[in-house]
PDB file of N, CA and C in Angstrom:
ATOM      1  N   UNK A   1      11.363  25.937  -7.512  1.00  0.00           N
ATOM      2  CA  UNK A   1      11.139  24.524  -7.052  1.00  0.00           C
ATOM      3  C   UNK A   1      11.353  23.688  -8.229  1.00  0.00           C
ATOM      4  N   UNK A   2      11.903  22.491  -8.110  1.00  0.00           N
ATOM      5  CA  UNK A   2      12.160  21.581  -9.178  1.00  0.00           C
ATOM      6  C   UNK A   2      10.899  20.920  -9.572  1.00  0.00           C
ATOM      7  N   UNK A   3      10.916  20.246 -10.851  1.00  0.00           N
ATOM      8  CA  UNK A   3       9.797  19.447 -11.334  1.00  0.00           C
ATOM      9  C   UNK A   3       9.920  18.018 -10.764  1.00  0.00           C
ATOM     10  N   UNK A   4       9.581  17.822  -9.538  1.00  0.00           N
ATOM     11  CA  UNK A   4       9.698  16.558  -8.842  1.00  0.00           C
ATOM     12  C   UNK A   4       8.574  15.628  -9.169  1.00  0.00           C
ATOM     13  N   UNK A   5       8.794  14.399  -9.610  1.00  0.00           N
ATOM     14  CA  UNK A   5       7.714  13.410  -9.868  1.00  0.00           C
ATOM     15  C   UNK A   5       7.062  12.998  -8.593  1.00  0.00           C
ATOM     16  N   UNK A   6       5.794  12.730  -8.500  1.00  0.00           N
ATOM     17  CA  UNK A   6       5.155  12.290  -7.350  1.00  0.00           C
ATOM     18  C   UNK A   6       5.748  11.001  -6.775  1.00  0.00           C
ATOM     19  N   UNK A   7       5.717  10.730  -5.569  1.00  0.00           N
ATOM     20  CA  UNK A   7       6.193   9.485  -4.936  1.00  0.00           C
ATOM     21  C   UNK A   7       5.627   8.183  -5.526  1.00  0.00           C
ATOM     22  N   UNK A   8       4.355   8.301  -5.604  1.00  0.00           N
ATOM     23  CA  UNK A   8       3.636   7.006  -5.977  1.00  0.00           C
ATOM     24  C   UNK A   8       3.834   6.643  -7.450  1.00  0.00           C
ATOM     25  N   UNK A   9       4.154   7.485  -8.380  1.00  0.00           N
ATOM     26  CA  UNK A   9       4.255   7.098  -9.792  1.00  0.00           C
ATOM     27  C   UNK A   9       5.459   6.254 -10.049  1.00  0.00           C
ATOM     28  N   UNK A  10       6.544   6.368  -9.321  1.00  0.00           N
ATOM     29  CA  UNK A  10       7.688   5.497  -9.386  1.00  0.00           C
ATOM     30  C   UNK A  10       7.908   5.293 -10.956  1.00  0.00           C
ATOM     31  N   UNK A  11       7.831   6.309 -11.759  1.00  0.00           N
ATOM     32  CA  UNK A  11       8.092   6.184 -13.148  1.00  0.00           C
ATOM     33  C   UNK A  11       6.870   5.772 -13.928  1.00  0.00           C
ATOM     34  N   UNK A  12       5.661   5.810 -13.291  1.00  0.00           N
ATOM     35  CA  UNK A  12       4.543   5.462 -13.957  1.00  0.00           C
ATOM     36  C   UNK A  12       3.546   6.541 -13.941  1.00  0.00           C
ATOM     37  N   UNK A  13       2.892   6.798 -15.021  1.00  0.00           N
ATOM     38  CA  UNK A  13       1.831   7.846 -15.071  1.00  0.00           C
ATOM     39  C   UNK A  13       0.415   7.295 -14.558  1.00  0.00           C
ATOM     40  N   UNK A  14      -0.085   7.808 -13.576  1.00  0.00           N
ATOM     41  CA  UNK A  14      -1.228   7.299 -12.974  1.00  0.00           C
ATOM     42  C   UNK A  14      -2.420   7.855 -13.724  1.00  0.00           C
ATOM     43  N   UNK A  15      -3.507   6.993 -13.874  1.00  0.00           N
ATOM     44  CA  UNK A  15      -4.738   7.485 -14.356  1.00  0.00           C
ATOM     45  C   UNK A  15      -4.774   7.513 -15.887  1.00  0.00           C
ATOM     46  N   UNK A  16      -3.858   7.257 -16.721  1.00  0.00           N
ATOM     47  CA  UNK A  16      -4.133   7.491 -18.169  1.00  0.00           C
ATOM     48  C   UNK A  16      -3.531   6.176 -18.810  1.00  0.00           C
ATOM     49  N   UNK A  17      -3.260   5.186 -18.110  1.00  0.00           N
ATOM     50  CA  UNK A  17      -2.870   3.977 -18.682  1.00  0.00           C
ATOM     51  C   UNK A  17      -1.574   3.917 -19.353  1.00  0.00           C
ATOM     52  N   UNK A  18      -0.915   4.958 -19.319  1.00  0.00           N
ATOM     53  CA  UNK A  18       0.558   5.016 -19.927  1.00  0.00           C
ATOM     54  C   UNK A  18       1.564   4.664 -18.981  1.00  0.00           C
ATOM     55  N   UNK A  19       2.370   3.749 -19.302  1.00  0.00           N
ATOM     56  CA  UNK A  19       3.483   3.338 -18.351  1.00  0.00           C
ATOM     57  C   UNK A  19       4.797   3.774 -19.014  1.00  0.00           C
ATOM     58  N   UNK A  20       5.531   4.605 -18.230  1.00  0.00           N
ATOM     59  CA  UNK A  20       6.834   5.078 -18.597  1.00  0.00           C
ATOM     60  C   UNK A  20       7.846   4.163 -18.069  1.00  0.00           C
ATOM     61  N   UNK A  21       9.063   4.162 -18.767  1.00  0.00           N
ATOM     62  CA  UNK A  21      10.156   3.293 -18.475  1.00  0.00           C
ATOM     63  C   UNK A  21      10.433   3.406 -16.985  1.00  0.00           C
ATOM     64  N   UNK A  22      10.811   2.334 -16.310  1.00  0.00           N
ATOM     65  CA  UNK A  22      11.142   2.433 -14.899  1.00  0.00           C
ATOM     66  C   UNK A  22      10.028   2.049 -13.922  1.00  0.00           C
ATOM     67  N   UNK A  23       8.717   1.837 -14.484  1.00  0.00           N
ATOM     68  CA  UNK A  23       7.622   1.563 -13.650  1.00  0.00           C
ATOM     69  C   UNK A  23       7.836   0.178 -12.880  1.00  0.00           C
ATOM     70  N   UNK A  24       7.313   0.058 -11.731  1.00  0.00           N
ATOM     71  CA  UNK A  24       7.464  -1.155 -10.938  1.00  0.00           C
ATOM     72  C   UNK A  24       6.234  -2.046 -11.441  1.00  0.00           C
ATOM     73  N   UNK A  25       6.455  -3.250 -11.554  1.00  0.00           N
ATOM     74  CA  UNK A  25       5.273  -4.173 -11.789  1.00  0.00           C
ATOM     75  C   UNK A  25       5.701  -5.438 -10.874  1.00  0.00           C
ATOM     76  N   UNK A  26       4.561  -6.093 -10.416  1.00  0.00           N
ATOM     77  CA  UNK A  26       4.830  -7.191  -9.438  1.00  0.00           C
ATOM     78  C   UNK A  26       3.942  -8.436 -10.040  1.00  0.00           C
ATOM     79  N   UNK A  27       4.516  -9.572  -9.568  1.00  0.00           N
ATOM     80  CA  UNK A  27       3.719 -10.857 -10.001  1.00  0.00           C
ATOM     81  C   UNK A  27       2.847 -11.302  -8.875  1.00  0.00           C
ATOM     82  N   UNK A  28       2.061 -12.223  -9.149  1.00  0.00           N
ATOM     83  CA  UNK A  28       1.151 -12.747  -8.189  1.00  0.00           C
ATOM     84  C   UNK A  28       2.000 -13.488  -7.112  1.00  0.00           C
ATOM     85  N   UNK A  29       3.181 -14.010  -7.493  1.00  0.00           N
ATOM     86  CA  UNK A  29       4.145 -14.816  -6.583  1.00  0.00           C
ATOM     87  C   UNK A  29       4.571 -13.687  -5.585  1.00  0.00           C
ATOM     88  N   UNK A  30       5.015 -12.650  -6.015  1.00  0.00           N
ATOM     89  CA  UNK A  30       5.520 -11.515  -5.120  1.00  0.00           C
ATOM     90  C   UNK A  30       4.341 -11.010  -4.277  1.00  0.00           C
ATOM     91  N   UNK A  31       3.152 -10.903  -4.623  1.00  0.00           N
ATOM     92  CA  UNK A  31       1.998 -10.587  -3.868  1.00  0.00           C
ATOM     93  C   UNK A  31       1.763 -11.611  -2.859  1.00  0.00           C
ATOM     94  N   UNK A  32       1.685 -12.892  -3.151  1.00  0.00           N
ATOM     95  CA  UNK A  32       1.491 -13.836  -2.104  1.00  0.00           C
ATOM     96  C   UNK A  32       2.711 -13.911  -1.036  1.00  0.00           C
ATOM     97  N   UNK A  33       3.796 -13.756  -1.531  1.00  0.00           N
ATOM     98  CA  UNK A  33       4.975 -13.731  -0.631  1.00  0.00           C
ATOM     99  C   UNK A  33       4.870 -12.539   0.394  1.00  0.00           C
ATOM    100  N   UNK A  34       4.480 -11.420  -0.010  1.00  0.00           N
ATOM    101  CA  UNK A  34       4.335 -10.244   0.794  1.00  0.00           C
ATOM    102  C   UNK A  34       3.171 -10.498   1.731  1.00  0.00           C
ATOM    103  N   UNK A  35       2.120 -11.037   1.293  1.00  0.00           N
ATOM    104  CA  UNK A  35       0.948 -11.293   2.120  1.00  0.00           C
ATOM    105  C   UNK A  35       1.227 -12.399   3.198  1.00  0.00           C
ATOM    106  N   UNK A  36       2.061 -13.400   2.765  1.00  0.00           N
ATOM    107  CA  UNK A  36       2.332 -14.430   3.705  1.00  0.00           C
ATOM    108  C   UNK A  36       3.354 -13.768   4.765  1.00  0.00           C
ATOM    109  N   UNK A  37       4.148 -12.918   4.478  1.00  0.00           N
ATOM    110  CA  UNK A  37       5.063 -12.240   5.450  1.00  0.00           C
ATOM    111  C   UNK A  37       4.189 -11.478   6.566  1.00  0.00           C
ATOM    112  N   UNK A  38       3.106 -10.714   6.051  1.00  0.00           N
ATOM    113  CA  UNK A  38       2.263 -10.076   6.839  1.00  0.00           C
ATOM    114  C   UNK A  38       1.396 -10.920   7.768  1.00  0.00           C
ATOM    115  N   UNK A  39       1.089 -12.149   7.222  1.00  0.00           N
ATOM    116  CA  UNK A  39       0.184 -13.000   8.091  1.00  0.00           C
ATOM    117  C   UNK A  39       1.050 -13.760   9.070  1.00  0.00           C
ATOM    118  N   UNK A  40       2.309 -13.732   8.926  1.00  0.00           N
ATOM    119  CA  UNK A  40       3.073 -14.533   9.779  1.00  0.00           C
ATOM    120  C   UNK A  40       3.854 -13.687  10.779  1.00  0.00           C
ATOM    121  N   UNK A  41       3.493 -12.388  10.978  1.00  0.00           N
ATOM    122  CA  UNK A  41       4.199 -11.447  11.821  1.00  0.00           C
ATOM    123  C   UNK A  41       4.507 -10.254  11.137  1.00  0.00           C
ATOM    124  N   UNK A  42       3.539  -9.482  10.889  1.00  0.00           N
ATOM    125  CA  UNK A  42       3.756  -8.212  10.063  1.00  0.00           C
ATOM    126  C   UNK A  42       4.484  -7.230  10.770  1.00  0.00           C
ATOM    127  N   UNK A  43       5.286  -6.403  10.023  1.00  0.00           N
ATOM    128  CA  UNK A  43       5.909  -5.169  10.604  1.00  0.00           C
ATOM    129  C   UNK A  43       5.555  -4.084   9.696  1.00  0.00           C
ATOM    130  N   UNK A  44       5.916  -2.914   9.977  1.00  0.00           N
ATOM    131  CA  UNK A  44       5.493  -1.788   9.067  1.00  0.00           C
ATOM    132  C   UNK A  44       6.021  -1.887   7.773  1.00  0.00           C
ATOM    133  N   UNK A  45       7.280  -2.581   7.657  1.00  0.00           N
ATOM    134  CA  UNK A  45       7.896  -2.574   6.254  1.00  0.00           C
ATOM    135  C   UNK A  45       7.194  -3.582   5.422  1.00  0.00           C
ATOM    136  N   UNK A  46       6.685  -4.641   5.954  1.00  0.00           N
ATOM    137  CA  UNK A  46       5.945  -5.584   5.221  1.00  0.00           C
ATOM    138  C   UNK A  46       4.579  -5.061   4.709  1.00  0.00           C
ATOM    139  N   UNK A  47       4.013  -4.177   5.647  1.00  0.00           N
ATOM    140  CA  UNK A  47       2.733  -3.616   5.241  1.00  0.00           C
ATOM    141  C   UNK A  47       2.964  -2.471   4.121  1.00  0.00           C
ATOM    142  N   UNK A  48       4.147  -1.824   4.314  1.00  0.00           N
ATOM    143  CA  UNK A  48       4.356  -0.791   3.382  1.00  0.00           C
ATOM    144  C   UNK A  48       4.647  -1.389   1.956  1.00  0.00           C
ATOM    145  N   UNK A  49       5.369  -2.608   1.943  1.00  0.00           N
ATOM    146  CA  UNK A  49       5.656  -3.286   0.654  1.00  0.00           C
ATOM    147  C   UNK A  49       4.382  -3.623  -0.053  1.00  0.00           C
ATOM    148  N   UNK A  50       3.360  -4.096   0.774  1.00  0.00           N
ATOM    149  CA  UNK A  50       2.065  -4.416   0.182  1.00  0.00           C
ATOM    150  C   UNK A  50       1.469  -3.178  -0.466  1.00  0.00           C
ATOM    151  N   UNK A  51       1.595  -2.079   0.289  1.00  0.00           N
ATOM    152  CA  UNK A  51       1.044  -0.768  -0.259  1.00  0.00           C
ATOM    153  C   UNK A  51       1.714  -0.444  -1.586  1.00  0.00           C
ATOM    154  N   UNK A  52       3.052  -0.585  -1.559  1.00  0.00           N
ATOM    155  CA  UNK A  52       3.759  -0.240  -2.895  1.00  0.00           C
ATOM    156  C   UNK A  52       3.260  -1.241  -4.057  1.00  0.00           C
ATOM    157  N   UNK A  53       3.140  -2.520  -3.640  1.00  0.00           N
ATOM    158  CA  UNK A  53       2.707  -3.533  -4.604  1.00  0.00           C
ATOM    159  C   UNK A  53       1.343  -3.087  -5.304  1.00  0.00           C
ATOM    160  N   UNK A  54       0.428  -2.870  -4.456  1.00  0.00           N
ATOM    161  CA  UNK A  54      -0.927  -2.455  -4.887  1.00  0.00           C
ATOM    162  C   UNK A  54      -0.982  -1.138  -5.559  1.00  0.00           C
ATOM    163  N   UNK A  55      -0.067  -0.120  -5.255  1.00  0.00           N
ATOM    164  CA  UNK A  55      -0.247   1.249  -5.724  1.00  0.00           C
ATOM    165  C   UNK A  55       0.457   1.243  -7.114  1.00  0.00           C
ATOM    166  N   UNK A  56       1.201   0.134  -7.537  1.00  0.00           N
ATOM    167  CA  UNK A  56       1.815   0.192  -8.804  1.00  0.00           C
ATOM    168  C   UNK A  56       1.070  -0.742  -9.841  1.00  0.00           C
ATOM    169  N   UNK A  57       1.508  -1.961  -9.854  1.00  0.00           N
ATOM    170  CA  UNK A  57       0.922  -2.889 -10.907  1.00  0.00           C
ATOM    171  C   UNK A  57       1.155  -4.284 -10.512  1.00  0.00           C
ATOM    172  N   UNK A  58       0.120  -5.082 -10.679  1.00  0.00           N
ATOM    173  CA  UNK A  58       0.251  -6.512 -10.398  1.00  0.00           C
ATOM    174  C   UNK A  58      -0.236  -7.246 -11.588  1.00  0.00           C
ATOM    175  N   UNK A  59       0.643  -7.926 -12.245  1.00  0.00           N
ATOM    176  CA  UNK A  59       0.334  -8.789 -13.447  1.00  0.00           C
ATOM    177  C   UNK A  59      -0.401  -7.931 -14.490  1.00  0.00           C
ATOM    178  N   UNK A  60       0.017  -6.741 -14.801  1.00  0.00           N
ATOM    179  CA  UNK A  60      -0.516  -5.817 -15.801  1.00  0.00           C
ATOM    180  C   UNK A  60      -1.908  -5.507 -15.624  1.00  0.00           C
ATOM    181  N   UNK A  61      -2.479  -5.554 -14.361  1.00  0.00           N
ATOM    182  CA  UNK A  61      -3.843  -5.121 -14.163  1.00  0.00           C
ATOM    183  C   UNK A  61      -3.957  -3.688 -13.808  1.00  0.00           C
ATOM    184  N   UNK A  62      -2.901  -3.114 -13.504  1.00  0.00           N
ATOM    185  CA  UNK A  62      -2.878  -1.731 -12.935  1.00  0.00           C
ATOM    186  C   UNK A  62      -2.954  -1.644 -11.452  1.00  0.00           C
ATOM    187  N   UNK A  63      -2.879  -0.440 -11.036  1.00  0.00           N
ATOM    188  CA  UNK A  63      -2.913  -0.268  -9.539  1.00  0.00           C
ATOM    189  C   UNK A  63      -4.311  -0.508  -9.005  1.00  0.00           C
ATOM    190  N   UNK A  64      -4.266  -0.880  -7.639  1.00  0.00           N
ATOM    191  CA  UNK A  64      -5.530  -1.085  -6.920  1.00  0.00           C
ATOM    192  C   UNK A  64      -5.412  -0.065  -5.747  1.00  0.00           C
ATOM    193  N   UNK A  65      -5.873   1.216  -5.930  1.00  0.00           N
ATOM    194  CA  UNK A  65      -5.618   2.240  -4.953  1.00  0.00           C
ATOM    195  C   UNK A  65      -6.357   1.973  -3.534  1.00  0.00           C
ATOM    196  N   UNK A  66      -7.442   1.158  -3.645  1.00  0.00           N
ATOM    197  CA  UNK A  66      -8.210   1.024  -2.410  1.00  0.00           C
ATOM    198  C   UNK A  66      -7.218  -0.002  -1.534  1.00  0.00           C
ATOM    199  N   UNK A  67      -6.775  -1.062  -2.095  1.00  0.00           N
ATOM    200  CA  UNK A  67      -5.846  -2.033  -1.327  1.00  0.00           C
ATOM    201  C   UNK A  67      -4.510  -1.283  -0.999  1.00  0.00           C
ATOM    202  N   UNK A  68      -4.002  -0.407  -1.894  1.00  0.00           N
ATOM    203  CA  UNK A  68      -2.762   0.232  -1.503  1.00  0.00           C
ATOM    204  C   UNK A  68      -2.969   1.178  -0.290  1.00  0.00           C
ATOM    205  N   UNK A  69      -4.083   1.906  -0.411  1.00  0.00           N
ATOM    206  CA  UNK A  69      -4.283   2.851   0.721  1.00  0.00           C
ATOM    207  C   UNK A  69      -4.480   2.061   2.151  1.00  0.00           C
ATOM    208  N   UNK A  70      -5.193   0.984   2.051  1.00  0.00           N
ATOM    209  CA  UNK A  70      -5.455   0.051   3.182  1.00  0.00           C
ATOM    210  C   UNK A  70      -4.002  -0.246   3.770  1.00  0.00           C
ATOM    211  N   UNK A  71      -3.146  -0.827   2.993  1.00  0.00           N
ATOM    212  CA  UNK A  71      -1.795  -1.150   3.493  1.00  0.00           C
ATOM    213  C   UNK A  71      -0.897   0.000   3.856  1.00  0.00           C
ATOM    214  N   UNK A  72      -1.020   1.162   3.140  1.00  0.00           N
ATOM    215  CA  UNK A  72      -0.151   2.197   3.569  1.00  0.00           C
ATOM    216  C   UNK A  72      -0.732   2.772   4.880  1.00  0.00           C
ATOM    217  N   UNK A  73      -2.068   2.771   5.091  1.00  0.00           N
ATOM    218  CA  UNK A  73      -2.713   3.146   6.348  1.00  0.00           C
ATOM    219  C   UNK A  73      -2.314   2.343   7.487  1.00  0.00           C
ATOM    220  N   UNK A  74      -2.262   1.001   7.285  1.00  0.00           N
ATOM    221  CA  UNK A  74      -1.861   0.153   8.455  1.00  0.00           C
ATOM    222  C   UNK A  74      -0.401   0.339   8.657  1.00  0.00           C
ATOM    223  N   UNK A  75       0.502   0.435   7.735  1.00  0.00           N
ATOM    224  CA  UNK A  75       1.867   0.695   8.006  1.00  0.00           C
ATOM    225  C   UNK A  75       2.164   2.033   8.651  1.00  0.00           C
ATOM    226  N   UNK A  76       1.325   3.000   8.363  1.00  0.00           N
ATOM    227  CA  UNK A  76       1.464   4.325   8.926  1.00  0.00           C
ATOM    228  C   UNK A  76       1.076   4.312  10.458  1.00  0.00           C
ATOM    229  N   UNK A  77       0.094   3.375  10.629  1.00  0.00           N
ATOM    230  CA  UNK A  77      -0.455   3.243  11.993  1.00  0.00           C
ATOM    231  C   UNK A  77       0.737   2.586  12.888  1.00  0.00           C
ATOM    232  N   UNK A  78       1.581   1.743  12.225  1.00  0.00           N
ATOM    233  CA  UNK A  78       2.688   1.149  12.982  1.00  0.00           C
ATOM    234  C   UNK A  78       3.910   2.043  13.026  1.00  0.00           C
ATOM    235  N   UNK A  79       3.774   3.205  12.485  1.00  0.00           N
ATOM    236  CA  UNK A  79       5.012   4.268  12.557  1.00  0.00           C
ATOM    237  C   UNK A  79       5.688   4.424  11.342  1.00  0.00           C
ATOM    238  N   UNK A  80       5.361   3.884  10.071  1.00  0.00           N
ATOM    239  CA  UNK A  80       5.970   4.137   8.848  1.00  0.00           C
ATOM    240  C   UNK A  80       5.853   5.525   8.383  1.00  0.00           C
ATOM    241  N   UNK A  81       6.813   6.418   8.419  1.00  0.00           N
ATOM    242  CA  UNK A  81       6.657   7.743   7.859  1.00  0.00           C
ATOM    243  C   UNK A  81       6.559   7.717   6.248  1.00  0.00           C
ATOM    244  N   UNK A  82       7.297   6.834   5.565  1.00  0.00           N
ATOM    245  CA  UNK A  82       7.058   6.686   4.136  1.00  0.00           C
ATOM    246  C   UNK A  82       5.688   6.341   3.765  1.00  0.00           C
ATOM    247  N   UNK A  83       5.136   5.348   4.487  1.00  0.00           N
ATOM    248  CA  UNK A  83       3.700   4.878   4.245  1.00  0.00           C
ATOM    249  C   UNK A  83       2.751   5.977   4.468  1.00  0.00           C
ATOM    250  N   UNK A  84       3.011   6.942   5.513  1.00  0.00           N
ATOM    251  CA  UNK A  84       2.164   8.016   5.658  1.00  0.00           C
ATOM    252  C   UNK A  84       2.156   9.020   4.453  1.00  0.00           C
ATOM    253  N   UNK A  85       3.391   9.211   3.955  1.00  0.00           N
ATOM    254  CA  UNK A  85       3.467  10.171   2.808  1.00  0.00           C
ATOM    255  C   UNK A  85       2.979   9.622   1.567  1.00  0.00           C
ATOM    256  N   UNK A  86       3.052   8.299   1.240  1.00  0.00           N
ATOM    257  CA  UNK A  86       2.527   7.754   0.078  1.00  0.00           C
ATOM    258  C   UNK A  86       0.999   7.682   0.231  1.00  0.00           C
ATOM    259  N   UNK A  87       0.392   7.398   1.442  1.00  0.00           N
ATOM    260  CA  UNK A  87      -0.981   7.362   1.619  1.00  0.00           C
ATOM    261  C   UNK A  87      -1.560   8.776   1.415  1.00  0.00           C
ATOM    262  N   UNK A  88      -0.933   9.746   1.882  1.00  0.00           N
ATOM    263  CA  UNK A  88      -1.365  11.225   1.657  1.00  0.00           C
ATOM    264  C   UNK A  88      -1.413  11.537   0.230  1.00  0.00           C
ATOM    265  N   UNK A  89      -0.421  11.111  -0.540  1.00  0.00           N
ATOM    266  CA  UNK A  89      -0.310  11.363  -1.974  1.00  0.00           C
ATOM    267  C   UNK A  89      -1.388  10.524  -2.707  1.00  0.00           C
ATOM    268  N   UNK A  90      -1.677   9.231  -2.303  1.00  0.00           N
ATOM    269  CA  UNK A  90      -2.608   8.385  -2.885  1.00  0.00           C
ATOM    270  C   UNK A  90      -3.880   8.977  -2.894  1.00  0.00           C
ATOM    271  N   UNK A  91      -4.346   9.587  -1.728  1.00  0.00           N
ATOM    272  CA  UNK A  91      -5.667  10.201  -1.441  1.00  0.00           C
ATOM    273  C   UNK A  91      -5.933  11.164  -2.601  1.00  0.00           C
ATOM    274  N   UNK A  92      -4.944  11.903  -3.065  1.00  0.00           N
ATOM    275  CA  UNK A  92      -5.211  12.866  -4.127  1.00  0.00           C
ATOM    276  C   UNK A  92      -5.717  12.174  -5.424  1.00  0.00           C
ATOM    277  N   UNK A  93      -5.390  10.938  -5.606  1.00  0.00           N
ATOM    278  CA  UNK A  93      -5.833  10.159  -6.820  1.00  0.00           C
ATOM    279  C   UNK A  93      -7.197   9.500  -6.681  1.00  0.00           C
ATOM    280  N   UNK A  94      -7.674   9.531  -5.502  1.00  0.00           N
ATOM    281  CA  UNK A  94      -8.868   8.708  -5.127  1.00  0.00           C
ATOM    282  C   UNK A  94     -10.020   9.552  -4.876  1.00  0.00           C
ATOM    283  N   UNK A  95     -11.253   9.055  -5.203  1.00  0.00           N
ATOM    284  CA  UNK A  95     -12.397   9.743  -4.755  1.00  0.00           C
ATOM    285  C   UNK A  95     -12.938   9.413  -3.371  1.00  0.00           C
ATOM    286  N   UNK A  96     -13.816  10.202  -2.715  1.00  0.00           N
ATOM    287  CA  UNK A  96     -14.147  10.044  -1.389  1.00  0.00           C
ATOM    288  C   UNK A  96     -14.651   8.600  -1.028  1.00  0.00           C
ATOM    289  N   UNK A  97     -15.433   8.082  -1.973  1.00  0.00           N
ATOM    290  CA  UNK A  97     -15.933   6.707  -1.692  1.00  0.00           C
ATOM    291  C   UNK A  97     -14.864   5.651  -1.678  1.00  0.00           C
ATOM    292  N   UNK A  98     -13.884   5.816  -2.536  1.00  0.00           N
ATOM    293  CA  UNK A  98     -12.775   4.913  -2.443  1.00  0.00           C
ATOM    294  C   UNK A  98     -12.003   5.039  -1.165  1.00  0.00           C
ATOM    295  N   UNK A  99     -11.740   6.314  -0.765  1.00  0.00           N
ATOM    296  CA  UNK A  99     -10.976   6.430   0.415  1.00  0.00           C
ATOM    297  C   UNK A  99     -11.789   5.712   1.655  1.00  0.00           C
ATOM    298  N   UNK A 100     -13.113   5.987   1.655  1.00  0.00           N
ATOM    299  CA  UNK A 100     -13.926   5.367   2.675  1.00  0.00           C
ATOM    300  C   UNK A 100     -13.901   3.857   2.595  1.00  0.00           C
ATOM    301  N   UNK A 101     -13.909   3.292   1.501  1.00  0.00           N
ATOM    302  CA  UNK A 101     -13.741   1.859   1.260  1.00  0.00           C
ATOM    303  C   UNK A 101     -12.390   1.360   1.738  1.00  0.00           C
ATOM    304  N   UNK A 102     -11.389   2.091   1.532  1.00  0.00           N
ATOM    305  CA  UNK A 102     -10.031   1.663   1.989  1.00  0.00           C
ATOM    306  C   UNK A 102      -9.908   1.748   3.516  1.00  0.00           C
ATOM    307  N   UNK A 103     -10.485   2.747   4.010  1.00  0.00           N
ATOM    308  CA  UNK A 103     -10.400   2.873   5.495  1.00  0.00           C
ATOM    309  C   UNK A 103     -11.240   1.788   6.227  1.00  0.00           C
ATOM    310  N   UNK A 104     -12.413   1.470   5.598  1.00  0.00           N
ATOM    311  CA  UNK A 104     -13.215   0.348   6.083  1.00  0.00           C
ATOM    312  C   UNK A 104     -12.412  -0.973   6.003  1.00  0.00           C
ATOM    313  N   UNK A 105     -11.737  -1.153   4.867  1.00  0.00           N
ATOM    314  CA  UNK A 105     -10.898  -2.458   4.696  1.00  0.00           C
ATOM    315  C   UNK A 105      -9.718  -2.454   5.685  1.00  0.00           C
ATOM    316  N   UNK A 106      -9.218  -1.363   6.047  1.00  0.00           N
ATOM    317  CA  UNK A 106      -8.116  -1.430   6.992  1.00  0.00           C
ATOM    318  C   UNK A 106      -8.715  -1.743   8.460  1.00  0.00           C
ATOM    319  N   UNK A 107      -9.917  -1.116   8.714  1.00  0.00           N
ATOM    320  CA  UNK A 107     -10.536  -1.419  10.092  1.00  0.00           C
ATOM    321  C   UNK A 107     -10.848  -2.969  10.014  1.00  0.00           C
ATOM    322  N   UNK A 108     -11.433  -3.429   9.030  1.00  0.00           N
ATOM    323  CA  UNK A 108     -11.732  -4.833   8.922  1.00  0.00           C
ATOM    324  C   UNK A 108     -10.454  -5.749   9.168  1.00  0.00           C
ATOM    325  N   UNK A 109      -9.370  -5.360   8.527  1.00  0.00           N
ATOM    326  CA  UNK A 109      -8.126  -6.154   8.717  1.00  0.00           C
ATOM    327  C   UNK A 109      -7.678  -6.001  10.182  1.00  0.00           C
ATOM    328  N   UNK A 110      -7.814  -4.967  10.709  1.00  0.00           N
ATOM    329  CA  UNK A 110      -7.437  -4.795  12.173  1.00  0.00           C
ATOM    330  C   UNK A 110      -8.252  -5.716  13.031  1.00  0.00           C
ATOM    331  N   UNK A 111      -9.558  -5.633  12.816  1.00  0.00           N
ATOM    332  CA  UNK A 111     -10.419  -6.497  13.687  1.00  0.00           C
ATOM    333  C   UNK A 111     -10.126  -7.893  13.511  1.00  0.00           C
ATOM    334  N   UNK A 112      -9.832  -8.441  12.332  1.00  0.00           N
ATOM    335  CA  UNK A 112      -9.569  -9.780  12.039  1.00  0.00           C
ATOM    336  C   UNK A 112      -8.199 -10.217  12.575  1.00  0.00           C
ATOM    337  N   UNK A 113      -7.292  -9.199  12.783  1.00  0.00           N
ATOM    338  CA  UNK A 113      -5.878  -9.636  13.034  1.00  0.00           C
ATOM    339  C   UNK A 113      -5.482  -8.985  14.451  1.00  0.00           C
ATOM    340  N   UNK A 114      -6.338  -8.961  15.381  1.00  0.00           N
ATOM    341  CA  UNK A 114      -6.015  -8.481  16.625  1.00  0.00           C
ATOM    342  C   UNK A 114      -4.918  -9.129  17.411  1.00  0.00           C
ATOM    343  N   UNK A 115      -4.923 -10.560  17.221  1.00  0.00           N
ATOM    344  CA  UNK A 115      -4.013 -11.302  17.845  1.00  0.00           C
ATOM    345  C   UNK A 115      -2.494 -11.119  17.286  1.00  0.00           C
ATOM    346  N   UNK A 116      -2.496 -11.017  15.962  1.00  0.00           N
ATOM    347  CA  UNK A 116      -1.260 -10.796  15.241  1.00  0.00           C
ATOM    348  C   UNK A 116      -0.680  -9.359  15.635  1.00  0.00           C
ATOM    349  N   UNK A 117      -1.565  -8.402  15.765  1.00  0.00           N
ATOM    350  CA  UNK A 117      -1.164  -7.057  16.156  1.00  0.00           C
ATOM    351  C   UNK A 117      -0.629  -7.009  17.752  1.00  0.00           C
ATOM    352  N   UNK A 118      -1.201  -7.834  18.609  1.00  0.00           N
ATOM    353  CA  UNK A 118      -0.763  -7.984  19.939  1.00  0.00           C
ATOM    354  C   UNK A 118       0.651  -8.568  19.952  1.00  0.00           C
ATOM    355  N   UNK A 119       0.899  -9.535  19.052  1.00  0.00           N
ATOM    356  CA  UNK A 119       2.272 -10.146  19.049  1.00  0.00           C
ATOM    357  C   UNK A 119       3.259  -9.181  18.405  1.00  0.00           C
ATOM    358  N   UNK A 120       2.710  -8.482  17.407  1.00  0.00           N
ATOM    359  CA  UNK A 120       3.746  -7.412  16.823  1.00  0.00           C
ATOM    360  C   UNK A 120       4.204  -6.462  17.771  1.00  0.00           C
ATOM    361  N   UNK A 121       3.170  -5.919  18.611  1.00  0.00           N
ATOM    362  CA  UNK A 121       3.548  -4.904  19.612  1.00  0.00           C
ATOM    363  C   UNK A 121       4.422  -5.490  20.762  1.00  0.00           C
ATOM    364  N   UNK A 122       4.262  -6.719  20.981  1.00  0.00           N
ATOM    365  CA  UNK A 122       5.185  -7.240  22.118  1.00  0.00           C
ATOM    366  C   UNK A 122       6.567  -7.376  21.588  1.00  0.00           C
ATOM    367  N   UNK A 123       6.645  -7.725  20.258  1.00  0.00           N
ATOM    368  CA  UNK A 123       8.035  -7.771  19.625  1.00  0.00           C
ATOM    369  C   UNK A 123       8.831  -6.667  19.460  1.00  0.00           C
ATOM    370  N   UNK A 124       7.964  -5.428  19.457  1.00  0.00           N
ATOM    371  CA  UNK A 124       8.623  -4.185  19.052  1.00  0.00           C
ATOM    372  C   UNK A 124       9.287  -3.514  20.286  1.00  0.00           C
TER     373      UNK A 124
END
């Protein structure tokens, strides 16, 4: 088997603060744009993009695995296979309490966005 780099790292070493060349980094503007897209009629691609944003780097603060897991989980729920794969890999980097917090955050988002979800399912 080849020495394949994990999906989530995208050129970034997780957990040791070292960023290798090719790492993705996002600005607050990109985060706000992605969140606006989700709030105005999310699809699995928008949710997946937020997962990518939070799993890598926002304004040099590092990844937020809880937020990333939440968005990957929501995207996977809407049928995104890449989100499912990224979420499964991300779990390997998280402790049980963080996974629980991410799942709770996803449930809270679902509860607060029932109307949006109904609109999304009608459009699909």
